[in-house]
Protein backbone atom coordinates (compact mmCIF):
# COMPACT_ATOMS: atom_id res chain seq x y z
CA MET A 1 25.72 46.73 -54.53
CA ARG A 2 26.10 49.97 -56.08
CA ILE A 3 24.61 49.99 -59.53
CA SER A 4 25.28 52.71 -62.03
CA LEU A 5 22.28 53.09 -64.20
CA ALA A 6 21.93 55.17 -67.45
CA SER A 7 19.41 55.68 -70.30
CA ASP A 8 19.31 58.08 -73.07
CA SER A 9 15.51 58.64 -72.75
CA LEU A 10 12.62 57.73 -70.44
CA ASP A 11 10.92 55.72 -73.14
CA GLY A 12 9.82 52.03 -72.66
CA ILE A 13 10.87 50.31 -69.74
CA ALA A 14 13.20 52.94 -68.60
CA PRO A 15 10.90 54.44 -65.84
CA ILE A 16 10.66 51.00 -64.10
CA LEU A 17 14.48 50.09 -64.06
CA MET A 18 15.46 52.28 -61.06
CA PRO A 19 12.62 51.01 -58.77
CA GLU A 20 13.28 47.46 -59.91
CA ILE A 21 16.97 47.65 -59.11
CA ARG A 22 16.21 49.22 -55.76
CA LYS A 23 13.65 46.58 -55.28
CA ARG A 24 16.40 44.10 -55.31
CA GLY A 25 18.31 45.72 -52.51
CA HIS A 26 20.80 47.82 -54.63
CA THR A 27 21.74 51.50 -54.38
CA VAL A 28 21.23 53.26 -57.79
CA ILE A 29 23.65 55.94 -59.10
CA GLY A 30 21.61 57.40 -62.06
CA HIS A 31 23.09 59.08 -65.30
CA GLY A 32 21.50 60.45 -68.44
CA ALA A 33 17.75 60.74 -68.58
CA MET A 34 17.52 59.26 -65.12
CA THR A 35 18.96 62.51 -63.90
CA ASP A 36 19.46 65.96 -65.06
CA GLU A 37 22.83 64.99 -66.81
CA ARG A 38 23.60 64.95 -70.58
CA ALA A 39 21.37 62.15 -71.75
CA ASP A 40 23.16 61.46 -75.19
CA TRP A 41 23.73 57.67 -75.14
CA ALA A 42 27.43 57.71 -75.90
CA TRP A 43 28.12 60.15 -72.80
CA CYS A 44 25.81 58.60 -70.31
CA CYS A 45 26.46 54.98 -71.12
CA SER A 46 30.20 55.14 -71.02
CA ARG A 47 29.89 57.16 -67.73
CA THR A 48 28.33 53.89 -66.11
CA ALA A 49 31.30 51.90 -67.14
CA GLU A 50 33.65 54.49 -65.83
CA ASP A 51 31.83 54.33 -62.56
CA VAL A 52 32.52 50.66 -62.43
CA ALA A 53 36.15 50.86 -63.38
CA SER A 54 36.67 53.74 -60.88
CA GLY A 55 35.04 51.68 -58.10
CA VAL A 56 32.14 54.28 -57.65
CA ALA A 57 29.82 51.54 -58.67
CA ASP A 58 30.05 47.68 -58.47
CA GLN A 59 28.30 47.04 -61.66
CA ALA A 60 26.11 49.10 -64.29
CA VAL A 61 23.00 48.90 -66.27
CA VAL A 62 22.74 50.61 -69.57
CA CYS A 63 19.73 51.31 -71.76
CA ARG A 64 19.06 52.39 -75.22
CA TRP A 65 16.14 51.76 -77.64
CA THR A 66 17.77 48.51 -78.93
CA GLY A 67 20.66 48.47 -76.29
CA THR A 68 23.24 48.11 -78.98
CA GLY A 69 24.55 51.70 -78.89
CA ALA A 70 24.60 51.43 -74.95
CA SER A 71 26.67 48.29 -75.27
CA ILE A 72 29.26 49.95 -77.56
CA ALA A 73 29.53 53.10 -75.37
CA ALA A 74 30.11 50.98 -72.15
CA ASN A 75 32.62 48.88 -73.83
CA LYS A 76 34.60 51.80 -75.12
CA ALA A 77 35.22 53.02 -71.57
CA PRO A 78 38.37 51.64 -70.01
CA GLY A 79 37.49 48.78 -67.99
CA GLY A 80 33.99 48.32 -69.36
CA TRP A 81 32.90 44.75 -69.77
CA ALA A 82 29.41 44.97 -71.44
CA ALA A 83 27.46 42.09 -72.73
CA ARG A 84 24.13 42.77 -74.52
CA CYS A 85 21.27 40.90 -72.84
CA VAL A 86 18.11 40.18 -74.79
CA ASP A 87 16.62 37.68 -72.05
CA ALA A 88 17.43 36.03 -68.80
CA ALA A 89 19.61 33.28 -70.43
CA THR A 90 21.95 35.66 -72.05
CA ALA A 91 22.13 37.83 -68.77
CA ALA A 92 22.94 34.68 -66.67
CA GLY A 93 25.56 33.59 -69.23
CA ALA A 94 27.20 36.89 -69.39
CA ARG A 95 27.74 37.04 -65.81
CA ARG A 96 28.84 33.47 -65.51
CA TRP A 97 31.07 32.87 -68.65
CA ASN A 98 32.19 36.38 -69.29
CA ASP A 99 32.39 37.98 -65.92
CA ALA A 100 30.60 40.99 -67.49
CA ASP A 101 29.72 43.83 -65.12
CA VAL A 102 27.41 46.00 -67.39
CA PRO A 103 24.20 44.36 -69.01
CA PRO A 104 23.00 46.66 -71.87
CA VAL A 105 19.28 46.24 -72.24
CA SER A 106 16.75 47.40 -74.85
CA LEU A 107 14.17 49.95 -73.76
CA ARG A 108 11.47 48.04 -75.77
CA PRO A 109 11.07 44.59 -74.65
CA ALA A 110 8.51 42.36 -76.15
CA SER A 111 6.94 41.36 -72.74
CA ALA A 112 6.54 43.40 -69.43
CA PRO A 113 8.32 40.56 -67.37
CA LEU A 114 11.18 40.55 -69.55
CA PRO A 115 13.18 43.29 -67.83
CA GLU A 116 12.62 41.82 -64.43
CA GLU A 117 13.64 38.44 -65.70
CA ILE A 118 16.96 39.90 -67.01
CA LEU A 119 17.51 41.76 -63.80
CA ASP A 120 17.00 38.74 -61.64
CA ALA A 121 19.27 36.55 -63.81
CA TRP A 122 21.92 39.26 -63.86
CA PHE A 123 21.96 39.88 -60.09
CA SER A 124 21.72 36.31 -58.97
CA GLY A 125 24.53 35.33 -61.21
CA SER A 126 28.35 35.26 -60.48
CA ALA A 127 31.52 34.73 -62.37
CA SER A 128 32.52 31.21 -63.11
CA SER A 129 35.43 29.60 -61.41
CA ASP A 130 36.08 27.16 -64.37
CA GLU A 131 39.69 27.22 -65.57
CA THR A 132 38.55 27.59 -69.36
CA ASP A 133 36.31 30.60 -68.46
CA LEU A 134 38.87 32.15 -66.27
CA ALA A 135 41.55 31.89 -69.05
CA ASN A 136 39.15 33.34 -71.69
CA ILE A 137 38.51 36.32 -69.27
CA ALA A 138 42.30 36.86 -68.53
CA TYR A 139 43.08 36.76 -72.17
CA LEU A 140 40.55 39.44 -72.81
CA SER A 141 42.07 41.72 -70.02
CA GLU A 142 45.53 41.12 -71.81
CA ILE A 143 44.35 42.50 -75.17
CA GLU A 144 42.02 45.17 -73.93
CA ASN A 145 42.98 48.74 -75.36
């Protein structure tokens, strides 16, 4: 898969994310502090969701100190479906029940393995085929601004 990746800084876990995503066999398209582009969180994180919506990327990962602003920015982009991931269980649930395509993660995890666990859960998951889950996702598409 092609993964659009953005961070507003190279603090915390940011330096390990690109190699970790590549280690899982994905191509990375960098934005913000990952490149020489504008690193302000609103710009770089919304850009990743735009990459997904336009087909440049299949999914995206956005980062900020807490991950909250990254989530807001990605969700403001047309077609952005970001779900804040604090651990592997929320990442797996966001993929399965919400068909989200952008996991916002915090740059300051409590343990070193946490970002790897989140990425593993995210990339190994897929959208649910359950009728109730599909109906919820379809409704969100209907009310999307």
